[in-house]
PDB file of N, CA and C in Angstrom:
ATOM      1  N   MET A   1     -40.345  -1.346 -93.819  1.00  0.00           N
ATOM      2  CA  MET A   1     -39.507  -1.854 -92.705  1.00  0.00           C
ATOM      3  C   MET A   1     -39.824  -3.316 -92.561  1.00  0.00           C
ATOM      4  N   LYS A   2     -38.809  -4.174 -92.492  1.00  0.00           N
ATOM      5  CA  LYS A   2     -38.983  -5.608 -92.318  1.00  0.00           C
ATOM      6  C   LYS A   2     -37.780  -6.122 -91.532  1.00  0.00           C
ATOM      7  N   ILE A   3     -38.024  -6.904 -90.484  1.00  0.00           N
ATOM      8  CA  ILE A   3     -36.995  -7.565 -89.713  1.00  0.00           C
ATOM      9  C   ILE A   3     -37.388  -9.019 -89.621  1.00  0.00           C
ATOM     10  N   SER A   4     -36.524  -9.895 -90.051  1.00  0.00           N
ATOM     11  CA  SER A   4     -36.785 -11.333 -89.960  1.00  0.00           C
ATOM     12  C   SER A   4     -36.247 -11.833 -88.562  1.00  0.00           C
ATOM     13  N   VAL A   5     -36.705 -13.008 -88.162  1.00  0.00           N
ATOM     14  CA  VAL A   5     -36.214 -13.608 -86.935  1.00  0.00           C
ATOM     15  C   VAL A   5     -34.718 -13.856 -87.031  1.00  0.00           C
ATOM     16  N   ARG A   6     -34.285 -14.374 -88.185  1.00  0.00           N
ATOM     17  CA  ARG A   6     -32.886 -14.649 -88.476  1.00  0.00           C
ATOM     18  C   ARG A   6     -32.035 -13.400 -88.267  1.00  0.00           C
ATOM     19  N   GLU A   7     -32.450 -12.265 -88.859  1.00  0.00           N
ATOM     20  CA  GLU A   7     -31.748 -11.002 -88.798  1.00  0.00           C
ATOM     21  C   GLU A   7     -31.698 -10.508 -87.308  1.00  0.00           C
ATOM     22  N   ALA A   8     -32.856 -10.638 -86.642  1.00  0.00           N
ATOM     23  CA  ALA A   8     -32.896 -10.187 -85.253  1.00  0.00           C
ATOM     24  C   ALA A   8     -31.914 -10.974 -84.343  1.00  0.00           C
ATOM     25  N   LEU A   9     -31.895 -12.301 -84.523  1.00  0.00           N
ATOM     26  CA  LEU A   9     -30.997 -13.127 -83.761  1.00  0.00           C
ATOM     27  C   LEU A   9     -29.559 -12.879 -84.112  1.00  0.00           C
ATOM     28  N   GLN A  10     -29.213 -12.586 -85.382  1.00  0.00           N
ATOM     29  CA  GLN A  10     -27.890 -12.178 -85.716  1.00  0.00           C
ATOM     30  C   GLN A  10     -27.477 -10.881 -85.116  1.00  0.00           C
ATOM     31  N   THR A  11     -28.357  -9.900 -85.071  1.00  0.00           N
ATOM     32  CA  THR A  11     -28.097  -8.576 -84.411  1.00  0.00           C
ATOM     33  C   THR A  11     -27.747  -8.884 -82.919  1.00  0.00           C
ATOM     34  N   LEU A  12     -28.552  -9.690 -82.284  1.00  0.00           N
ATOM     35  CA  LEU A  12     -28.330  -9.989 -80.870  1.00  0.00           C
ATOM     36  C   LEU A  12     -26.935 -10.702 -80.689  1.00  0.00           C
ATOM     37  N   GLU A  13     -26.574 -11.587 -81.528  1.00  0.00           N
ATOM     38  CA  GLU A  13     -25.292 -12.234 -81.435  1.00  0.00           C
ATOM     39  C   GLU A  13     -24.112 -11.333 -81.546  1.00  0.00           C
ATOM     40  N   GLN A  14     -24.307 -10.197 -82.270  1.00  0.00           N
ATOM     41  CA  GLN A  14     -23.267  -9.179 -82.491  1.00  0.00           C
ATOM     42  C   GLN A  14     -23.025  -8.395 -81.146  1.00  0.00           C
ATOM     43  N   HIS A  15     -23.969  -8.461 -80.245  1.00  0.00           N
ATOM     44  CA  HIS A  15     -23.874  -7.779 -78.917  1.00  0.00           C
ATOM     45  C   HIS A  15     -23.514  -8.850 -77.900  1.00  0.00           C
ATOM     46  N   GLU A  16     -22.320  -9.386 -77.960  1.00  0.00           N
ATOM     47  CA  GLU A  16     -21.909 -10.527 -77.093  1.00  0.00           C
ATOM     48  C   GLU A  16     -22.172 -10.202 -75.615  1.00  0.00           C
ATOM     49  N   GLY A  17     -22.772 -11.194 -74.956  1.00  0.00           N
ATOM     50  CA  GLY A  17     -23.078 -11.090 -73.596  1.00  0.00           C
ATOM     51  C   GLY A  17     -24.435 -10.394 -73.240  1.00  0.00           C
ATOM     52  N   LYS A  18     -25.030  -9.762 -74.239  1.00  0.00           N
ATOM     53  CA  LYS A  18     -26.359  -9.143 -74.052  1.00  0.00           C
ATOM     54  C   LYS A  18     -27.494 -10.112 -74.300  1.00  0.00           C
ATOM     55  N   THR A  19     -28.547  -9.905 -73.577  1.00  0.00           N
ATOM     56  CA  THR A  19     -29.750 -10.764 -73.748  1.00  0.00           C
ATOM     57  C   THR A  19     -30.859 -10.149 -74.544  1.00  0.00           C
ATOM     58  N   PHE A  20     -30.659  -8.833 -74.960  1.00  0.00           N
ATOM     59  CA  PHE A  20     -31.668  -8.205 -75.753  1.00  0.00           C
ATOM     60  C   PHE A  20     -30.974  -7.193 -76.700  1.00  0.00           C
ATOM     61  N   ALA A  21     -31.701  -6.821 -77.754  1.00  0.00           N
ATOM     62  CA  ALA A  21     -31.224  -5.808 -78.688  1.00  0.00           C
ATOM     63  C   ALA A  21     -32.429  -5.048 -79.227  1.00  0.00           C
ATOM     64  N   GLU A  22     -32.315  -3.761 -79.253  1.00  0.00           N
ATOM     65  CA  GLU A  22     -33.324  -2.909 -79.883  1.00  0.00           C
ATOM     66  C   GLU A  22     -33.174  -2.964 -81.355  1.00  0.00           C
ATOM     67  N   LEU A  23     -34.260  -3.194 -82.085  1.00  0.00           N
ATOM     68  CA  LEU A  23     -34.159  -3.370 -83.529  1.00  0.00           C
ATOM     69  C   LEU A  23     -34.836  -2.236 -84.323  1.00  0.00           C
ATOM     70  N   PHE A  24     -35.773  -1.544 -83.730  1.00  0.00           N
ATOM     71  CA  PHE A  24     -36.570  -0.530 -84.375  1.00  0.00           C
ATOM     72  C   PHE A  24     -37.207   0.382 -83.392  1.00  0.00           C
ATOM     73  N   ARG A  25     -37.323   1.686 -83.779  1.00  0.00           N
ATOM     74  CA  ARG A  25     -38.023   2.608 -82.921  1.00  0.00           C
ATOM     75  C   ARG A  25     -38.785   3.591 -83.787  1.00  0.00           C
ATOM     76  N   HIS A  26     -40.005   3.895 -83.383  1.00  0.00           N
ATOM     77  CA  HIS A  26     -40.844   4.882 -84.111  1.00  0.00           C
ATOM     78  C   HIS A  26     -41.834   5.429 -83.061  1.00  0.00           C
ATOM     79  N   GLY A  27     -41.887   6.750 -82.955  1.00  0.00           N
ATOM     80  CA  GLY A  27     -42.749   7.299 -81.920  1.00  0.00           C
ATOM     81  C   GLY A  27     -42.507   6.697 -80.585  1.00  0.00           C
ATOM     82  N   THR A  28     -43.615   6.235 -79.932  1.00  0.00           N
ATOM     83  CA  THR A  28     -43.445   5.561 -78.631  1.00  0.00           C
ATOM     84  C   THR A  28     -43.088   4.049 -78.722  1.00  0.00           C
ATOM     85  N   LEU A  29     -43.141   3.539 -79.959  1.00  0.00           N
ATOM     86  CA  LEU A  29     -42.914   2.100 -80.162  1.00  0.00           C
ATOM     87  C   LEU A  29     -41.427   1.763 -80.237  1.00  0.00           C
ATOM     88  N   ALA A  30     -41.022   0.729 -79.458  1.00  0.00           N
ATOM     89  CA  ALA A  30     -39.649   0.193 -79.527  1.00  0.00           C
ATOM     90  C   ALA A  30     -39.844  -1.320 -79.724  1.00  0.00           C
ATOM     91  N   VAL A  31     -39.135  -1.888 -80.707  1.00  0.00           N
ATOM     92  CA  VAL A  31     -39.169  -3.306 -80.974  1.00  0.00           C
ATOM     93  C   VAL A  31     -37.814  -3.912 -80.596  1.00  0.00           C
ATOM     94  N   GLU A  32     -37.818  -4.914 -79.810  1.00  0.00           N
ATOM     95  CA  GLU A  32     -36.599  -5.632 -79.371  1.00  0.00           C
ATOM     96  C   GLU A  32     -36.747  -7.089 -79.619  1.00  0.00           C
ATOM     97  N   ILE A  33     -35.581  -7.763 -79.564  1.00  0.00           N
ATOM     98  CA  ILE A  33     -35.574  -9.201 -79.447  1.00  0.00           C
ATOM     99  C   ILE A  33     -34.942  -9.513 -78.041  1.00  0.00           C
ATOM    100  N   TYR A  34     -35.477 -10.472 -77.372  1.00  0.00           N
ATOM    101  CA  TYR A  34     -34.989 -10.828 -76.058  1.00  0.00           C
ATOM    102  C   TYR A  34     -34.782 -12.290 -75.967  1.00  0.00           C
ATOM    103  N   ARG A  35     -33.623 -12.721 -75.526  1.00  0.00           N
ATOM    104  CA  ARG A  35     -33.250 -14.142 -75.459  1.00  0.00           C
ATOM    105  C   ARG A  35     -32.378 -14.345 -74.174  1.00  0.00           C
ATOM    106  N   PRO A  36     -33.005 -14.535 -73.038  1.00  0.00           N
ATOM    107  CA  PRO A  36     -32.276 -14.752 -71.792  1.00  0.00           C
ATOM    108  C   PRO A  36     -31.584 -16.079 -71.814  1.00  0.00           C
ATOM    109  N   GLN A  37     -30.505 -16.201 -71.103  1.00  0.00           N
ATOM    110  CA  GLN A  37     -29.683 -17.403 -71.000  1.00  0.00           C
ATOM    111  C   GLN A  37     -29.723 -17.903 -69.583  1.00  0.00           C
ATOM    112  N   GLY A  38     -30.447 -19.012 -69.319  1.00  0.00           N
ATOM    113  CA  GLY A  38     -30.555 -19.675 -68.013  1.00  0.00           C
ATOM    114  C   GLY A  38     -31.561 -19.041 -67.079  1.00  0.00           C
ATOM    115  N   ARG A  39     -31.444 -17.722 -66.831  1.00  0.00           N
ATOM    116  CA  ARG A  39     -32.418 -16.993 -65.932  1.00  0.00           C
ATOM    117  C   ARG A  39     -32.838 -15.726 -66.530  1.00  0.00           C
ATOM    118  N   ASP A  40     -34.079 -15.329 -66.211  1.00  0.00           N
ATOM    119  CA  ASP A  40     -34.610 -14.042 -66.674  1.00  0.00           C
ATOM    120  C   ASP A  40     -34.465 -13.073 -65.505  1.00  0.00           C
ATOM    121  N   LEU A  41     -33.608 -12.099 -65.670  1.00  0.00           N
ATOM    122  CA  LEU A  41     -33.315 -11.155 -64.567  1.00  0.00           C
ATOM    123  C   LEU A  41     -33.951  -9.809 -64.741  1.00  0.00           C
ATOM    124  N   GLN A  42     -34.890  -9.668 -65.681  1.00  0.00           N
ATOM    125  CA  GLN A  42     -35.470  -8.364 -65.919  1.00  0.00           C
ATOM    126  C   GLN A  42     -36.309  -7.882 -64.797  1.00  0.00           C
ATOM    127  N   GLN A  43     -36.402  -6.531 -64.669  1.00  0.00           N
ATOM    128  CA  GLN A  43     -37.162  -5.821 -63.614  1.00  0.00           C
ATOM    129  C   GLN A  43     -38.405  -5.234 -64.304  1.00  0.00           C
ATOM    130  N   PRO A  44     -39.377  -4.794 -63.479  1.00  0.00           N
ATOM    131  CA  PRO A  44     -40.560  -4.110 -64.080  1.00  0.00           C
ATOM    132  C   PRO A  44     -40.192  -2.946 -65.012  1.00  0.00           C
ATOM    133  N   HIS A  45     -40.878  -2.728 -66.055  1.00  0.00           N
ATOM    134  CA  HIS A  45     -40.557  -1.686 -66.997  1.00  0.00           C
ATOM    135  C   HIS A  45     -41.557  -0.506 -66.769  1.00  0.00           C
ATOM    136  N   THR A  46     -41.155   0.650 -67.307  1.00  0.00           N
ATOM    137  CA  THR A  46     -41.933   1.908 -67.114  1.00  0.00           C
ATOM    138  C   THR A  46     -43.076   2.076 -68.142  1.00  0.00           C
ATOM    139  N   ARG A  47     -43.021   1.255 -69.222  1.00  0.00           N
ATOM    140  CA  ARG A  47     -44.058   1.375 -70.269  1.00  0.00           C
ATOM    141  C   ARG A  47     -44.754  -0.009 -70.447  1.00  0.00           C
ATOM    142  N   ASP A  48     -45.959  -0.004 -71.011  1.00  0.00           N
ATOM    143  CA  ASP A  48     -46.628  -1.283 -71.327  1.00  0.00           C
ATOM    144  C   ASP A  48     -45.767  -2.027 -72.306  1.00  0.00           C
ATOM    145  N   GLU A  49     -45.901  -3.372 -72.288  1.00  0.00           N
ATOM    146  CA  GLU A  49     -45.119  -4.207 -73.247  1.00  0.00           C
ATOM    147  C   GLU A  49     -45.912  -5.381 -73.663  1.00  0.00           C
ATOM    148  N   LEU A  50     -45.603  -5.853 -74.854  1.00  0.00           N
ATOM    149  CA  LEU A  50     -46.221  -7.024 -75.433  1.00  0.00           C
ATOM    150  C   LEU A  50     -45.054  -7.914 -75.837  1.00  0.00           C
ATOM    151  N   TYR A  51     -45.149  -9.182 -75.528  1.00  0.00           N
ATOM    152  CA  TYR A  51     -44.200 -10.181 -75.957  1.00  0.00           C
ATOM    153  C   TYR A  51     -44.923 -11.096 -76.976  1.00  0.00           C
ATOM    154  N   VAL A  52     -44.202 -11.506 -78.026  1.00  0.00           N
ATOM    155  CA  VAL A  52     -44.661 -12.525 -78.973  1.00  0.00           C
ATOM    156  C   VAL A  52     -43.568 -13.570 -78.967  1.00  0.00           C
ATOM    157  N   VAL A  53     -43.900 -14.791 -78.576  1.00  0.00           N
ATOM    158  CA  VAL A  53     -42.944 -15.882 -78.505  1.00  0.00           C
ATOM    159  C   VAL A  53     -42.481 -16.361 -79.817  1.00  0.00           C
ATOM    160  N   ILE A  54     -41.210 -16.262 -80.120  1.00  0.00           N
ATOM    161  CA  ILE A  54     -40.619 -16.707 -81.418  1.00  0.00           C
ATOM    162  C   ILE A  54     -40.381 -18.237 -81.378  1.00  0.00           C
ATOM    163  N   SER A  55     -39.674 -18.647 -80.296  1.00  0.00           N
ATOM    164  CA  SER A  55     -39.287 -20.033 -80.166  1.00  0.00           C
ATOM    165  C   SER A  55     -39.174 -20.407 -78.697  1.00  0.00           C
ATOM    166  N   GLY A  56     -39.210 -21.721 -78.462  1.00  0.00           N
ATOM    167  CA  GLY A  56     -39.060 -22.230 -77.094  1.00  0.00           C
ATOM    168  C   GLY A  56     -40.424 -22.326 -76.363  1.00  0.00           C
ATOM    169  N   ASN A  57     -40.312 -22.797 -75.155  1.00  0.00           N
ATOM    170  CA  ASN A  57     -41.472 -22.888 -74.274  1.00  0.00           C
ATOM    171  C   ASN A  57     -41.002 -22.776 -72.816  1.00  0.00           C
ATOM    172  N   GLY A  58     -42.014 -22.634 -71.936  1.00  0.00           N
ATOM    173  CA  GLY A  58     -41.694 -22.490 -70.509  1.00  0.00           C
ATOM    174  C   GLY A  58     -42.874 -21.939 -69.810  1.00  0.00           C
ATOM    175  N   PHE A  59     -42.644 -21.109 -68.815  1.00  0.00           N
ATOM    176  CA  PHE A  59     -43.666 -20.485 -68.048  1.00  0.00           C
ATOM    177  C   PHE A  59     -43.403 -18.979 -67.980  1.00  0.00           C
ATOM    178  N   PHE A  60     -44.525 -18.227 -67.860  1.00  0.00           N
ATOM    179  CA  PHE A  60     -44.439 -16.740 -67.760  1.00  0.00           C
ATOM    180  C   PHE A  60     -45.137 -16.337 -66.495  1.00  0.00           C
ATOM    181  N   GLN A  61     -44.443 -15.756 -65.529  1.00  0.00           N
ATOM    182  CA  GLN A  61     -45.029 -15.223 -64.310  1.00  0.00           C
ATOM    183  C   GLN A  61     -45.365 -13.769 -64.561  1.00  0.00           C
ATOM    184  N   ASN A  62     -46.685 -13.479 -64.507  1.00  0.00           N
ATOM    185  CA  ASN A  62     -47.153 -12.120 -64.781  1.00  0.00           C
ATOM    186  C   ASN A  62     -47.923 -11.669 -63.579  1.00  0.00           C
ATOM    187  N   GLY A  63     -47.243 -10.968 -62.646  1.00  0.00           N
ATOM    188  CA  GLY A  63     -47.852 -10.651 -61.349  1.00  0.00           C
ATOM    189  C   GLY A  63     -48.040 -11.935 -60.572  1.00  0.00           C
ATOM    190  N   ASP A  64     -49.233 -12.250 -60.135  1.00  0.00           N
ATOM    191  CA  ASP A  64     -49.553 -13.474 -59.335  1.00  0.00           C
ATOM    192  C   ASP A  64     -49.988 -14.584 -60.269  1.00  0.00           C
ATOM    193  N   VAL A  65     -50.026 -14.405 -61.576  1.00  0.00           N
ATOM    194  CA  VAL A  65     -50.536 -15.451 -62.465  1.00  0.00           C
ATOM    195  C   VAL A  65     -49.372 -16.067 -63.239  1.00  0.00           C
ATOM    196  N   ARG A  66     -49.416 -17.409 -63.342  1.00  0.00           N
ATOM    197  CA  ARG A  66     -48.343 -18.094 -64.102  1.00  0.00           C
ATOM    198  C   ARG A  66     -48.972 -18.821 -65.282  1.00  0.00           C
ATOM    199  N   HIS A  67     -48.445 -18.575 -66.484  1.00  0.00           N
ATOM    200  CA  HIS A  67     -48.943 -19.109 -67.721  1.00  0.00           C
ATOM    201  C   HIS A  67     -47.896 -19.930 -68.363  1.00  0.00           C
ATOM    202  N   PRO A  68     -48.278 -21.116 -68.991  1.00  0.00           N
ATOM    203  CA  PRO A  68     -47.320 -21.815 -69.841  1.00  0.00           C
ATOM    204  C   PRO A  68     -47.335 -21.018 -71.179  1.00  0.00           C
ATOM    205  N   PHE A  69     -46.201 -21.073 -71.922  1.00  0.00           N
ATOM    206  CA  PHE A  69     -46.097 -20.392 -73.222  1.00  0.00           C
ATOM    207  C   PHE A  69     -45.445 -21.338 -74.240  1.00  0.00           C
ATOM    208  N   GLN A  70     -45.758 -20.997 -75.503  1.00  0.00           N
ATOM    209  CA  GLN A  70     -45.143 -21.715 -76.629  1.00  0.00           C
ATOM    210  C   GLN A  70     -45.058 -20.796 -77.789  1.00  0.00           C
ATOM    211  N   PRO A  71     -44.368 -21.133 -78.833  1.00  0.00           N
ATOM    212  CA  PRO A  71     -44.238 -20.260 -80.045  1.00  0.00           C
ATOM    213  C   PRO A  71     -45.587 -19.828 -80.554  1.00  0.00           C
ATOM    214  N   GLY A  72     -45.615 -18.452 -80.869  1.00  0.00           N
ATOM    215  CA  GLY A  72     -46.863 -17.823 -81.370  1.00  0.00           C
ATOM    216  C   GLY A  72     -47.678 -17.157 -80.315  1.00  0.00           C
ATOM    217  N   ASP A  73     -47.454 -17.502 -79.030  1.00  0.00           N
ATOM    218  CA  ASP A  73     -48.254 -16.898 -77.952  1.00  0.00           C
ATOM    219  C   ASP A  73     -47.932 -15.405 -77.793  1.00  0.00           C
ATOM    220  N   VAL A  74     -48.912 -14.638 -77.393  1.00  0.00           N
ATOM    221  CA  VAL A  74     -48.764 -13.217 -77.188  1.00  0.00           C
ATOM    222  C   VAL A  74     -49.018 -12.977 -75.666  1.00  0.00           C
ATOM    223  N   LEU A  75     -48.135 -12.237 -74.996  1.00  0.00           N
ATOM    224  CA  LEU A  75     -48.253 -11.959 -73.540  1.00  0.00           C
ATOM    225  C   LEU A  75     -48.157 -10.517 -73.322  1.00  0.00           C
ATOM    226  N   PHE A  76     -49.125  -9.972 -72.581  1.00  0.00           N
ATOM    227  CA  PHE A  76     -49.145  -8.501 -72.264  1.00  0.00           C
ATOM    228  C   PHE A  76     -48.785  -8.260 -70.814  1.00  0.00           C
ATOM    229  N   VAL A  77     -48.027  -7.234 -70.588  1.00  0.00           N
ATOM    230  CA  VAL A  77     -47.611  -6.792 -69.247  1.00  0.00           C
ATOM    231  C   VAL A  77     -47.811  -5.275 -69.135  1.00  0.00           C
ATOM    232  N   PRO A  78     -48.688  -4.835 -68.201  1.00  0.00           N
ATOM    233  CA  PRO A  78     -48.828  -3.401 -68.028  1.00  0.00           C
ATOM    234  C   PRO A  78     -47.565  -2.831 -67.340  1.00  0.00           C
ATOM    235  N   ALA A  79     -47.330  -1.590 -67.575  1.00  0.00           N
ATOM    236  CA  ALA A  79     -46.204  -0.848 -66.966  1.00  0.00           C
ATOM    237  C   ALA A  79     -46.175  -1.057 -65.507  1.00  0.00           C
ATOM    238  N   GLY A  80     -44.941  -1.300 -64.952  1.00  0.00           N
ATOM    239  CA  GLY A  80     -44.731  -1.427 -63.529  1.00  0.00           C
ATOM    240  C   GLY A  80     -44.983  -2.773 -62.915  1.00  0.00           C
ATOM    241  N   ARG A  81     -45.506  -3.703 -63.660  1.00  0.00           N
ATOM    242  CA  ARG A  81     -45.818  -5.009 -63.051  1.00  0.00           C
ATOM    243  C   ARG A  81     -44.625  -5.962 -63.066  1.00  0.00           C
ATOM    244  N   GLU A  82     -44.449  -6.644 -61.958  1.00  0.00           N
ATOM    245  CA  GLU A  82     -43.422  -7.716 -61.836  1.00  0.00           C
ATOM    246  C   GLU A  82     -43.706  -8.790 -62.798  1.00  0.00           C
ATOM    247  N   HIS A  83     -42.762  -9.294 -63.544  1.00  0.00           N
ATOM    248  CA  HIS A  83     -42.966 -10.373 -64.490  1.00  0.00           C
ATOM    249  C   HIS A  83     -41.607 -11.018 -64.820  1.00  0.00           C
ATOM    250  N   ARG A  84     -41.719 -12.299 -65.213  1.00  0.00           N
ATOM    251  CA  ARG A  84     -40.477 -12.968 -65.672  1.00  0.00           C
ATOM    252  C   ARG A  84     -40.796 -14.335 -66.281  1.00  0.00           C
ATOM    253  N   PHE A  85     -39.910 -14.800 -67.154  1.00  0.00           N
ATOM    254  CA  PHE A  85     -39.973 -16.045 -67.810  1.00  0.00           C
ATOM    255  C   PHE A  85     -39.214 -17.053 -66.889  1.00  0.00           C
ATOM    256  N   THR A  86     -39.805 -18.260 -66.710  1.00  0.00           N
ATOM    257  CA  THR A  86     -39.155 -19.251 -65.879  1.00  0.00           C
ATOM    258  C   THR A  86     -39.224 -20.621 -66.555  1.00  0.00           C
ATOM    259  N   GLU A  87     -38.340 -21.442 -66.227  1.00  0.00           N
ATOM    260  CA  GLU A  87     -38.275 -22.837 -66.728  1.00  0.00           C
ATOM    261  C   GLU A  87     -38.374 -22.898 -68.255  1.00  0.00           C
ATOM    262  N   PHE A  88     -37.651 -21.990 -68.923  1.00  0.00           N
ATOM    263  CA  PHE A  88     -37.716 -21.925 -70.370  1.00  0.00           C
ATOM    264  C   PHE A  88     -36.646 -22.741 -71.038  1.00  0.00           C
ATOM    265  N   SER A  89     -36.956 -23.209 -72.241  1.00  0.00           N
ATOM    266  CA  SER A  89     -36.044 -24.057 -73.024  1.00  0.00           C
ATOM    267  C   SER A  89     -34.821 -23.235 -73.515  1.00  0.00           C
ATOM    268  N   ALA A  90     -33.788 -23.918 -73.905  1.00  0.00           N
ATOM    269  CA  ALA A  90     -32.548 -23.234 -74.354  1.00  0.00           C
ATOM    270  C   ALA A  90     -32.734 -22.458 -75.647  1.00  0.00           C
ATOM    271  N   ASP A  91     -33.786 -22.799 -76.412  1.00  0.00           N
ATOM    272  CA  ASP A  91     -33.989 -22.061 -77.671  1.00  0.00           C
ATOM    273  C   ASP A  91     -34.952 -20.897 -77.588  1.00  0.00           C
ATOM    274  N   PHE A  92     -35.386 -20.522 -76.318  1.00  0.00           N
ATOM    275  CA  PHE A  92     -36.341 -19.507 -76.065  1.00  0.00           C
ATOM    276  C   PHE A  92     -35.887 -18.151 -76.571  1.00  0.00           C
ATOM    277  N   ALA A  93     -36.809 -17.485 -77.310  1.00  0.00           N
ATOM    278  CA  ALA A  93     -36.619 -16.109 -77.781  1.00  0.00           C
ATOM    279  C   ALA A  93     -37.961 -15.498 -77.953  1.00  0.00           C
ATOM    280  N   VAL A  94     -38.048 -14.177 -77.763  1.00  0.00           N
ATOM    281  CA  VAL A  94     -39.307 -13.430 -77.892  1.00  0.00           C
ATOM    282  C   VAL A  94     -39.077 -12.043 -78.612  1.00  0.00           C
ATOM    283  N   TRP A  95     -40.032 -11.638 -79.398  1.00  0.00           N
ATOM    284  CA  TRP A  95     -40.101 -10.271 -79.787  1.00  0.00           C
ATOM    285  C   TRP A  95     -40.688  -9.493 -78.607  1.00  0.00           C
ATOM    286  N   VAL A  96     -40.189  -8.230 -78.372  1.00  0.00           N
ATOM    287  CA  VAL A  96     -40.693  -7.389 -77.292  1.00  0.00           C
ATOM    288  C   VAL A  96     -41.084  -6.089 -77.921  1.00  0.00           C
ATOM    289  N   PHE A  97     -42.332  -5.649 -77.590  1.00  0.00           N
ATOM    290  CA  PHE A  97     -42.835  -4.376 -78.139  1.00  0.00           C
ATOM    291  C   PHE A  97     -43.166  -3.469 -76.870  1.00  0.00           C
ATOM    292  N   PHE A  98     -42.400  -2.425 -76.709  1.00  0.00           N
ATOM    293  CA  PHE A  98     -42.662  -1.411 -75.699  1.00  0.00           C
ATOM    294  C   PHE A  98     -43.412  -0.283 -76.390  1.00  0.00           C
ATOM    295  N   TYR A  99     -44.458   0.298 -75.700  1.00  0.00           N
ATOM    296  CA  TYR A  99     -45.208   1.302 -76.353  1.00  0.00           C
ATOM    297  C   TYR A  99     -45.931   2.199 -75.309  1.00  0.00           C
ATOM    298  N   GLY A 100     -46.357   3.338 -75.754  1.00  0.00           N
ATOM    299  CA  GLY A 100     -47.145   4.217 -74.876  1.00  0.00           C
ATOM    300  C   GLY A 100     -46.264   5.037 -73.986  1.00  0.00           C
ATOM    301  N   PRO A 101     -46.950   5.844 -73.176  1.00  0.00           N
ATOM    302  CA  PRO A 101     -46.274   6.778 -72.300  1.00  0.00           C
ATOM    303  C   PRO A 101     -45.659   6.067 -71.076  1.00  0.00           C
ATOM    304  N   GLU A 102     -44.712   6.768 -70.393  1.00  0.00           N
ATOM    305  CA  GLU A 102     -44.189   6.269 -69.136  1.00  0.00           C
ATOM    306  C   GLU A 102     -45.375   6.091 -68.198  1.00  0.00           C
ATOM    307  N   GLY A 103     -45.415   5.026 -67.430  1.00  0.00           N
ATOM    308  CA  GLY A 103     -46.520   4.734 -66.527  1.00  0.00           C
ATOM    309  C   GLY A 103     -47.608   3.922 -67.143  1.00  0.00           C
ATOM    310  N   GLY A 104     -47.540   3.735 -68.495  1.00  0.00           N
ATOM    311  CA  GLY A 104     -48.621   2.910 -69.191  1.00  0.00           C
ATOM    312  C   GLY A 104     -49.796   3.706 -69.636  1.00  0.00           C
ATOM    313  N   GLU A 105     -50.636   3.010 -70.354  1.00  0.00           N
ATOM    314  CA  GLU A 105     -51.849   3.645 -70.876  1.00  0.00           C
ATOM    315  C   GLU A 105     -53.014   3.325 -69.962  1.00  0.00           C
TER     316      GLU A 105
END
């Protein structure tokens, strides 16, 4: 199994108006690409998640902590925690990996 960034972005473009697309699923693992436009409107998720920044920069609010991010950074969010990307550049995109049981590990 292989998914390139180019292929992932093309898949997302085929879902006009969507900010994410699921690309792969195996067991409890789900792999998505996420590319918000202007604002990040996501709500807390029921499973743990890991983000890997593909492109762009900005800030990541993870609970009460705010981190700057850039390509290559890895960001972890436990299930149920409020989080969002802010002040991100127009080219911002991330891989998203959801895994584990509902409620987190």
